[in-house]
N, C-alpha and C. Protein backbone atom coordinates (compact mmCIF):
# COMPACT_ATOMS: atom_id res chain seq x y z
N MET A 1 26.92 277.71 95.69
CA MET A 1 25.98 276.78 95.16
C MET A 1 26.13 275.42 95.84
N TYR A 2 27.31 275.02 96.13
CA TYR A 2 27.56 273.75 96.80
C TYR A 2 26.92 273.75 98.19
N ASN A 3 27.09 274.84 98.95
CA ASN A 3 26.51 274.93 100.29
C ASN A 3 24.99 274.89 100.24
N HIS A 4 24.43 275.55 99.24
CA HIS A 4 22.98 275.58 99.10
C HIS A 4 22.45 274.16 98.83
N TYR A 5 23.16 273.39 97.99
CA TYR A 5 22.77 272.02 97.67
C TYR A 5 22.86 271.13 98.91
N CYS A 6 23.90 271.26 99.70
CA CYS A 6 24.08 270.48 100.94
C CYS A 6 22.99 270.82 101.95
N LEU A 7 22.66 272.08 102.08
CA LEU A 7 21.61 272.49 103.02
C LEU A 7 20.27 271.89 102.63
N ARG A 8 19.98 271.88 101.33
CA ARG A 8 18.73 271.29 100.86
C ARG A 8 18.68 269.80 101.17
N LYS A 9 19.79 269.13 100.97
CA LYS A 9 19.87 267.70 101.24
C LYS A 9 19.70 267.42 102.73
N ILE A 10 20.30 268.22 103.58
CA ILE A 10 20.18 268.06 105.03
C ILE A 10 18.74 268.29 105.46
N LYS A 11 18.07 269.30 104.86
CA LYS A 11 16.69 269.59 105.20
C LYS A 11 15.78 268.42 104.86
N ILE A 12 16.12 267.65 103.88
CA ILE A 12 15.33 266.49 103.50
C ILE A 12 15.71 265.27 104.34
N VAL A 13 17.00 265.05 104.55
CA VAL A 13 17.48 263.86 105.25
C VAL A 13 17.14 263.89 106.74
N VAL A 14 17.28 265.01 107.41
CA VAL A 14 17.05 265.10 108.85
C VAL A 14 15.61 264.73 109.22
N PRO A 15 14.60 265.31 108.58
CA PRO A 15 13.24 264.89 108.92
C PRO A 15 13.00 263.41 108.62
N PHE A 16 13.58 262.93 107.53
CA PHE A 16 13.44 261.53 107.18
C PHE A 16 14.04 260.63 108.27
N MET A 17 15.22 261.00 108.77
CA MET A 17 15.87 260.25 109.85
C MET A 17 15.04 260.29 111.14
N VAL A 18 14.46 261.45 111.44
CA VAL A 18 13.61 261.57 112.64
C VAL A 18 12.43 260.61 112.53
N VAL A 19 11.83 260.55 111.37
CA VAL A 19 10.70 259.64 111.16
C VAL A 19 11.16 258.20 111.31
N LEU A 20 12.30 257.83 110.73
CA LEU A 20 12.81 256.46 110.84
C LEU A 20 13.11 256.10 112.29
N ILE A 21 13.74 256.99 113.01
CA ILE A 21 14.06 256.73 114.41
C ILE A 21 12.79 256.60 115.24
N SER A 22 11.81 257.46 114.98
CA SER A 22 10.53 257.38 115.69
C SER A 22 9.85 256.05 115.43
N LEU A 23 9.85 255.61 114.16
CA LEU A 23 9.25 254.32 113.83
C LEU A 23 9.98 253.17 114.52
N ALA A 24 11.29 253.26 114.58
CA ALA A 24 12.07 252.22 115.25
C ALA A 24 11.70 252.13 116.73
N PHE A 25 11.57 253.27 117.40
CA PHE A 25 11.18 253.26 118.81
C PHE A 25 9.77 252.73 118.99
N MET A 26 8.87 253.08 118.09
CA MET A 26 7.50 252.58 118.18
C MET A 26 7.47 251.07 118.02
N LEU A 27 8.20 250.55 117.04
CA LEU A 27 8.23 249.11 116.84
C LEU A 27 8.88 248.40 118.01
N LEU A 28 9.91 248.97 118.56
CA LEU A 28 10.56 248.40 119.73
C LEU A 28 9.59 248.37 120.90
N GLY A 29 8.86 249.44 121.07
CA GLY A 29 7.86 249.51 122.14
C GLY A 29 6.76 248.48 121.95
N LEU A 30 6.31 248.29 120.72
CA LEU A 30 5.27 247.30 120.45
C LEU A 30 5.78 245.90 120.69
N SER A 31 7.00 245.60 120.29
CA SER A 31 7.51 244.25 120.49
C SER A 31 7.74 243.97 121.96
N CYS A 32 8.16 244.95 122.73
CA CYS A 32 8.33 244.75 124.18
C CYS A 32 6.96 244.59 124.83
N GLY A 33 5.99 245.35 124.38
CA GLY A 33 4.65 245.27 124.93
C GLY A 33 3.97 243.96 124.58
N SER A 34 4.33 243.36 123.46
CA SER A 34 3.69 242.12 123.06
C SER A 34 4.04 240.98 124.01
N LYS A 35 5.17 241.07 124.69
CA LYS A 35 5.51 240.05 125.67
C LYS A 35 4.46 240.04 126.78
N ASN A 36 4.03 241.22 127.21
CA ASN A 36 3.02 241.31 128.25
C ASN A 36 1.68 240.82 127.74
N ARG A 37 1.34 241.10 126.48
CA ARG A 37 0.07 240.68 125.94
C ARG A 37 0.04 239.19 125.62
N ALA A 38 1.19 238.57 125.43
CA ALA A 38 1.23 237.15 125.11
C ALA A 38 0.88 236.29 126.32
N ASN A 39 0.92 236.85 127.52
CA ASN A 39 0.69 236.09 128.73
C ASN A 39 -0.28 236.83 129.66
N PRO A 40 -1.47 237.20 129.15
CA PRO A 40 -2.38 237.98 129.99
C PRO A 40 -3.02 237.12 131.07
N THR A 41 -3.49 237.76 132.12
CA THR A 41 -4.20 237.06 133.18
C THR A 41 -5.66 236.93 132.79
N HIS A 42 -6.15 235.71 132.85
CA HIS A 42 -7.56 235.43 132.59
C HIS A 42 -8.25 235.22 133.93
N VAL A 43 -9.52 235.60 134.00
CA VAL A 43 -10.30 235.42 135.21
C VAL A 43 -11.57 234.67 134.85
N MET A 44 -11.76 233.52 135.49
CA MET A 44 -12.97 232.72 135.30
C MET A 44 -13.74 232.75 136.61
N ASN A 45 -14.93 233.30 136.59
CA ASN A 45 -15.73 233.36 137.81
C ASN A 45 -16.35 231.99 138.08
N ILE A 46 -16.20 231.51 139.31
CA ILE A 46 -16.75 230.22 139.73
C ILE A 46 -18.01 230.44 140.56
N VAL A 47 -17.93 231.35 141.52
CA VAL A 47 -19.07 231.68 142.38
C VAL A 47 -19.11 233.20 142.53
N ASN A 48 -20.30 233.77 142.37
CA ASN A 48 -20.50 235.19 142.64
C ASN A 48 -21.97 235.35 143.01
N ASP A 49 -22.29 234.88 144.22
CA ASP A 49 -23.69 234.75 144.58
C ASP A 49 -23.82 234.55 146.09
N THR A 50 -25.06 234.50 146.54
CA THR A 50 -25.35 234.07 147.90
C THR A 50 -25.63 232.58 147.83
N VAL A 51 -24.79 231.80 148.48
CA VAL A 51 -24.91 230.35 148.50
C VAL A 51 -25.73 229.98 149.73
N SER A 52 -26.86 229.30 149.53
CA SER A 52 -27.69 228.84 150.64
C SER A 52 -27.33 227.40 150.96
N VAL A 53 -27.02 227.15 152.23
CA VAL A 53 -26.61 225.81 152.65
C VAL A 53 -27.52 225.38 153.80
N SER A 54 -28.32 224.36 153.55
CA SER A 54 -29.25 223.86 154.56
C SER A 54 -28.50 223.23 155.72
N ALA A 55 -29.16 223.20 156.88
CA ALA A 55 -28.58 222.56 158.06
C ALA A 55 -28.27 221.10 157.75
N GLY A 56 -27.06 220.67 158.12
CA GLY A 56 -26.65 219.29 157.92
C GLY A 56 -26.16 218.97 156.52
N TYR A 57 -26.05 219.95 155.65
CA TYR A 57 -25.67 219.71 154.26
C TYR A 57 -24.47 220.58 153.83
N HIS A 58 -24.09 220.41 152.57
CA HIS A 58 -23.02 221.22 151.99
C HIS A 58 -23.39 221.57 150.55
N GLN A 59 -22.73 222.58 150.01
CA GLN A 59 -22.82 222.94 148.59
C GLN A 59 -21.40 222.90 148.04
N ALA A 60 -21.24 222.28 146.88
CA ALA A 60 -19.91 222.15 146.28
C ALA A 60 -19.92 222.70 144.86
N TYR A 61 -18.82 223.35 144.50
CA TYR A 61 -18.66 223.92 143.16
C TYR A 61 -17.35 223.38 142.57
N PRO A 62 -17.45 222.67 141.44
CA PRO A 62 -16.22 222.13 140.82
C PRO A 62 -15.51 223.19 139.99
N VAL A 63 -14.20 223.04 139.90
CA VAL A 63 -13.38 223.87 139.01
C VAL A 63 -12.29 222.96 138.46
N THR A 64 -12.10 223.01 137.15
CA THR A 64 -11.12 222.13 136.50
C THR A 64 -9.92 222.93 136.03
N ILE A 65 -8.74 222.45 136.39
CA ILE A 65 -7.47 223.04 135.97
C ILE A 65 -6.95 222.23 134.79
N THR A 66 -6.72 222.91 133.64
CA THR A 66 -6.25 222.23 132.44
C THR A 66 -4.79 222.59 132.17
N SER A 67 -4.19 221.86 131.24
CA SER A 67 -2.78 222.08 130.93
C SER A 67 -2.53 223.43 130.27
N GLU A 68 -3.56 224.06 129.69
CA GLU A 68 -3.40 225.38 129.07
C GLU A 68 -3.28 226.49 130.12
N MET A 69 -3.71 226.22 131.33
CA MET A 69 -3.70 227.23 132.39
C MET A 69 -2.35 227.26 133.09
N LYS A 70 -1.70 228.41 133.03
CA LYS A 70 -0.41 228.58 133.70
C LYS A 70 -0.61 229.38 134.99
N ASN A 71 0.02 228.97 136.05
CA ASN A 71 -0.05 229.63 137.35
C ASN A 71 -1.49 229.83 137.83
N PRO A 72 -2.32 228.78 137.80
CA PRO A 72 -3.71 228.95 138.25
C PRO A 72 -3.79 229.21 139.75
N MET A 73 -4.71 230.09 140.10
CA MET A 73 -4.90 230.44 141.51
C MET A 73 -6.38 230.71 141.76
N LEU A 74 -6.90 230.12 142.84
CA LEU A 74 -8.26 230.42 143.27
C LEU A 74 -8.20 231.59 144.23
N VAL A 75 -8.99 232.61 143.96
CA VAL A 75 -9.06 233.80 144.80
C VAL A 75 -10.48 233.84 145.36
N CYS A 76 -10.60 233.75 146.67
CA CYS A 76 -11.90 233.56 147.30
C CYS A 76 -12.15 234.57 148.41
N SER A 77 -13.43 234.91 148.58
CA SER A 77 -13.87 235.68 149.74
C SER A 77 -15.30 235.27 150.05
N TYR A 78 -15.66 235.33 151.34
CA TYR A 78 -17.01 234.97 151.73
C TYR A 78 -17.37 235.62 153.06
N LYS A 79 -18.69 235.68 153.29
CA LYS A 79 -19.22 236.15 154.57
C LYS A 79 -20.50 235.37 154.83
N ALA A 80 -20.54 234.64 155.95
CA ALA A 80 -21.67 233.78 156.28
C ALA A 80 -22.61 234.47 157.26
N SER A 81 -23.88 234.09 157.15
CA SER A 81 -24.87 234.55 158.12
C SER A 81 -25.89 233.44 158.34
N GLY A 82 -26.47 233.44 159.53
CA GLY A 82 -27.48 232.45 159.89
C GLY A 82 -27.06 231.66 161.10
N GLY A 83 -28.03 231.26 161.89
CA GLY A 83 -27.74 230.51 163.11
C GLY A 83 -27.15 231.42 164.17
N THR A 84 -26.75 230.83 165.27
CA THR A 84 -26.21 231.63 166.37
C THR A 84 -24.78 232.08 166.12
N GLY A 85 -24.05 231.35 165.29
CA GLY A 85 -22.64 231.69 165.07
C GLY A 85 -22.35 232.43 163.79
N ASN A 86 -23.35 232.58 162.91
CA ASN A 86 -23.09 233.19 161.59
C ASN A 86 -21.83 232.58 160.97
N ASP A 87 -21.77 231.24 160.94
CA ASP A 87 -20.54 230.59 160.52
C ASP A 87 -20.78 229.50 159.49
N ILE A 88 -19.72 229.15 158.83
CA ILE A 88 -19.69 228.12 157.79
C ILE A 88 -18.27 227.55 157.78
N VAL A 89 -18.09 226.38 157.21
CA VAL A 89 -16.75 225.84 156.97
C VAL A 89 -16.55 225.80 155.46
N VAL A 90 -15.43 226.33 155.00
CA VAL A 90 -15.11 226.33 153.57
C VAL A 90 -13.87 225.48 153.36
N TYR A 91 -13.99 224.56 152.40
CA TYR A 91 -12.88 223.69 152.03
C TYR A 91 -12.56 223.86 150.55
N ILE A 92 -11.31 223.63 150.22
CA ILE A 92 -10.91 223.40 148.83
C ILE A 92 -10.13 222.09 148.84
N MET A 93 -10.58 221.17 147.97
CA MET A 93 -9.93 219.85 147.90
C MET A 93 -10.00 219.32 146.49
N ASP A 94 -9.11 218.39 146.19
CA ASP A 94 -9.14 217.77 144.87
C ASP A 94 -10.26 216.73 144.81
N GLU A 95 -10.48 216.18 143.63
CA GLU A 95 -11.62 215.29 143.42
C GLU A 95 -11.55 214.03 144.27
N ALA A 96 -10.39 213.41 144.36
CA ALA A 96 -10.27 212.18 145.16
C ALA A 96 -10.59 212.46 146.63
N ASN A 97 -10.06 213.56 147.15
CA ASN A 97 -10.35 213.90 148.54
C ASN A 97 -11.81 214.29 148.75
N TYR A 98 -12.42 214.92 147.76
CA TYR A 98 -13.84 215.27 147.87
C TYR A 98 -14.69 214.00 147.97
N ILE A 99 -14.40 213.01 147.14
CA ILE A 99 -15.14 211.73 147.19
C ILE A 99 -14.94 211.08 148.56
N ASN A 100 -13.71 211.03 149.03
CA ASN A 100 -13.44 210.44 150.35
C ASN A 100 -14.14 211.22 151.45
N TRP A 101 -14.11 212.54 151.36
CA TRP A 101 -14.75 213.39 152.38
C TRP A 101 -16.25 213.12 152.44
N LYS A 102 -16.90 213.02 151.27
CA LYS A 102 -18.34 212.73 151.25
C LYS A 102 -18.66 211.38 151.86
N ASN A 103 -17.69 210.47 151.83
CA ASN A 103 -17.88 209.13 152.40
C ASN A 103 -17.34 209.01 153.82
N GLY A 104 -16.99 210.14 154.43
CA GLY A 104 -16.56 210.13 155.83
C GLY A 104 -15.15 209.65 156.07
N GLN A 105 -14.34 209.60 155.02
CA GLN A 105 -12.95 209.15 155.15
C GLN A 105 -12.03 210.32 155.51
N GLN A 106 -10.83 210.00 155.94
CA GLN A 106 -9.84 211.03 156.24
C GLN A 106 -9.35 211.65 154.93
N VAL A 107 -9.19 212.97 154.92
CA VAL A 107 -8.81 213.67 153.69
C VAL A 107 -7.76 214.74 153.95
N SER A 108 -7.19 215.26 152.86
CA SER A 108 -6.29 216.41 152.90
C SER A 108 -6.98 217.56 152.18
N PHE A 109 -6.79 218.75 152.69
CA PHE A 109 -7.40 219.94 152.11
C PHE A 109 -6.33 220.87 151.55
N TYR A 110 -6.66 221.57 150.49
CA TYR A 110 -5.83 222.69 150.03
C TYR A 110 -6.13 223.92 150.89
N TYR A 111 -7.37 223.96 151.39
CA TYR A 111 -7.78 225.05 152.28
C TYR A 111 -8.87 224.51 153.19
N ASN A 112 -8.79 224.87 154.48
CA ASN A 112 -9.80 224.50 155.47
C ASN A 112 -9.97 225.69 156.39
N SER A 113 -11.11 226.37 156.30
CA SER A 113 -11.33 227.58 157.09
C SER A 113 -11.63 227.31 158.55
N GLY A 114 -12.07 226.08 158.88
CA GLY A 114 -12.65 225.87 160.19
C GLY A 114 -13.94 226.70 160.24
N LYS A 115 -14.67 226.63 161.35
CA LYS A 115 -15.88 227.46 161.45
C LYS A 115 -15.47 228.92 161.45
N SER A 116 -16.03 229.69 160.51
CA SER A 116 -15.69 231.11 160.43
C SER A 116 -16.85 231.89 159.83
N THR A 117 -16.85 233.17 160.09
CA THR A 117 -17.89 234.05 159.55
C THR A 117 -17.46 234.66 158.23
N THR A 118 -16.21 235.10 158.15
CA THR A 118 -15.74 235.76 156.94
C THR A 118 -14.25 235.50 156.74
N ALA A 119 -13.85 235.50 155.47
CA ALA A 119 -12.43 235.33 155.15
C ALA A 119 -12.20 235.70 153.69
N SER A 120 -10.96 236.00 153.38
CA SER A 120 -10.47 236.18 152.01
C SER A 120 -9.15 235.45 151.92
N PHE A 121 -8.96 234.71 150.84
CA PHE A 121 -7.73 233.93 150.71
C PHE A 121 -7.48 233.58 149.25
N SER A 122 -6.27 233.15 148.95
CA SER A 122 -5.88 232.68 147.62
C SER A 122 -5.17 231.35 147.78
N VAL A 123 -5.40 230.45 146.84
CA VAL A 123 -4.77 229.13 146.87
C VAL A 123 -4.21 228.83 145.48
N ALA A 124 -2.91 228.58 145.41
CA ALA A 124 -2.29 228.18 144.15
C ALA A 124 -2.69 226.75 143.83
N MET A 125 -3.10 226.53 142.60
CA MET A 125 -3.53 225.19 142.16
C MET A 125 -2.42 224.64 141.28
N ASN A 126 -1.56 223.81 141.87
CA ASN A 126 -0.33 223.40 141.19
C ASN A 126 -0.44 222.15 140.33
N ALA A 127 -1.56 221.45 140.40
CA ALA A 127 -1.70 220.21 139.63
C ALA A 127 -2.96 220.27 138.76
N LEU A 128 -2.93 219.54 137.67
CA LEU A 128 -4.09 219.45 136.79
C LEU A 128 -5.19 218.63 137.47
N GLY A 129 -6.43 218.87 137.08
CA GLY A 129 -7.52 218.06 137.61
C GLY A 129 -8.69 218.91 138.06
N THR A 130 -9.65 218.24 138.67
CA THR A 130 -10.85 218.89 139.17
C THR A 130 -10.74 219.08 140.68
N TYR A 131 -11.09 220.26 141.11
CA TYR A 131 -11.09 220.62 142.52
C TYR A 131 -12.50 221.05 142.91
N TYR A 132 -12.76 221.06 144.20
CA TYR A 132 -14.07 221.47 144.69
C TYR A 132 -13.93 222.54 145.75
N ILE A 133 -14.75 223.59 145.60
CA ILE A 133 -14.91 224.59 146.66
C ILE A 133 -16.18 224.16 147.38
N VAL A 134 -16.06 223.87 148.66
CA VAL A 134 -17.17 223.30 149.42
C VAL A 134 -17.55 224.25 150.56
N TYR A 135 -18.84 224.56 150.64
CA TYR A 135 -19.40 225.32 151.75
C TYR A 135 -20.13 224.29 152.61
N ASP A 136 -19.58 224.00 153.79
CA ASP A 136 -20.07 222.90 154.62
C ASP A 136 -20.82 223.41 155.85
N ASN A 137 -22.06 222.97 155.98
CA ASN A 137 -22.89 223.31 157.13
C ASN A 137 -23.35 222.04 157.84
N ALA A 138 -22.57 220.97 157.70
CA ALA A 138 -22.93 219.68 158.30
C ALA A 138 -22.94 219.75 159.82
N PHE A 139 -22.19 220.65 160.40
CA PHE A 139 -22.13 220.76 161.86
C PHE A 139 -23.41 221.34 162.46
N SER A 140 -24.21 222.01 161.64
CA SER A 140 -25.44 222.63 162.14
C SER A 140 -26.61 221.67 161.98
N THR A 141 -27.33 221.44 163.08
CA THR A 141 -28.48 220.53 163.02
C THR A 141 -29.79 221.27 162.81
N VAL A 142 -29.79 222.60 162.97
CA VAL A 142 -31.02 223.37 162.90
C VAL A 142 -30.96 224.50 161.86
N SER A 143 -29.87 225.25 161.84
CA SER A 143 -29.82 226.51 161.09
C SER A 143 -29.23 226.39 159.70
N SER A 144 -29.97 226.92 158.72
CA SER A 144 -29.42 227.10 157.38
C SER A 144 -28.49 228.30 157.39
N LYS A 145 -27.58 228.35 156.44
CA LYS A 145 -26.63 229.46 156.34
C LYS A 145 -26.71 230.06 154.95
N ASN A 146 -26.55 231.36 154.90
CA ASN A 146 -26.41 232.09 153.64
C ASN A 146 -24.99 232.62 153.59
N VAL A 147 -24.31 232.33 152.50
CA VAL A 147 -22.91 232.72 152.37
C VAL A 147 -22.77 233.59 151.12
N VAL A 148 -22.48 234.87 151.32
CA VAL A 148 -22.20 235.76 150.20
C VAL A 148 -20.76 235.49 149.81
N SER A 149 -20.57 235.02 148.58
CA SER A 149 -19.23 234.53 148.22
C SER A 149 -18.86 234.93 146.79
N ARG A 150 -17.56 235.11 146.62
CA ARG A 150 -16.98 235.35 145.30
C ARG A 150 -15.75 234.46 145.20
N VAL A 151 -15.71 233.64 144.16
CA VAL A 151 -14.56 232.78 143.89
C VAL A 151 -14.20 232.94 142.42
N ASP A 152 -12.95 233.31 142.16
CA ASP A 152 -12.45 233.45 140.80
C ASP A 152 -11.23 232.56 140.61
N LEU A 153 -11.13 231.97 139.44
CA LEU A 153 -9.94 231.26 139.04
C LEU A 153 -9.15 232.20 138.14
N LYS A 154 -7.94 232.55 138.57
CA LYS A 154 -7.08 233.42 137.78
C LYS A 154 -5.92 232.58 137.25
N TYR A 155 -5.60 232.80 135.97
CA TYR A 155 -4.52 232.03 135.35
C TYR A 155 -3.99 232.76 134.13
N ASN A 156 -2.84 232.33 133.66
CA ASN A 156 -2.23 232.84 132.43
C ASN A 156 -2.28 231.76 131.39
N ILE A 157 -2.17 232.16 130.13
CA ILE A 157 -2.13 231.18 129.04
C ILE A 157 -0.76 231.24 128.39
């Protein structure tokens, strides 16, 4: 009778323990997974279009980096067409440099493609503030350019 009682108790306790252990592993898995969910990557689209740039002009797109954005990065790609060179100049610069650039002053760039037809690149944005992605066709006196472009701001919170 004693053995029968012990066997009954084991039959009840073992499944109960299996359930408890399973729940513990599930909770551990959820808490480990929550670390990844607490810092997801966000993507903000800045440009996803054909940008038309008249001869002698530029098109600029602002993007603002805030204190909530961790590890912000601009991820860009483009392909230009038009004129004899199928080319464009792409810059990324901060607001102060953009103002100076528009006024013909010397500036610093976060990115300067030089005349190019196509490129893909990423630029880490390490400081808060407003930046500009500029498609510059000022070098062309006759030909407008069409630039198929995608620019995304990726960051964590």
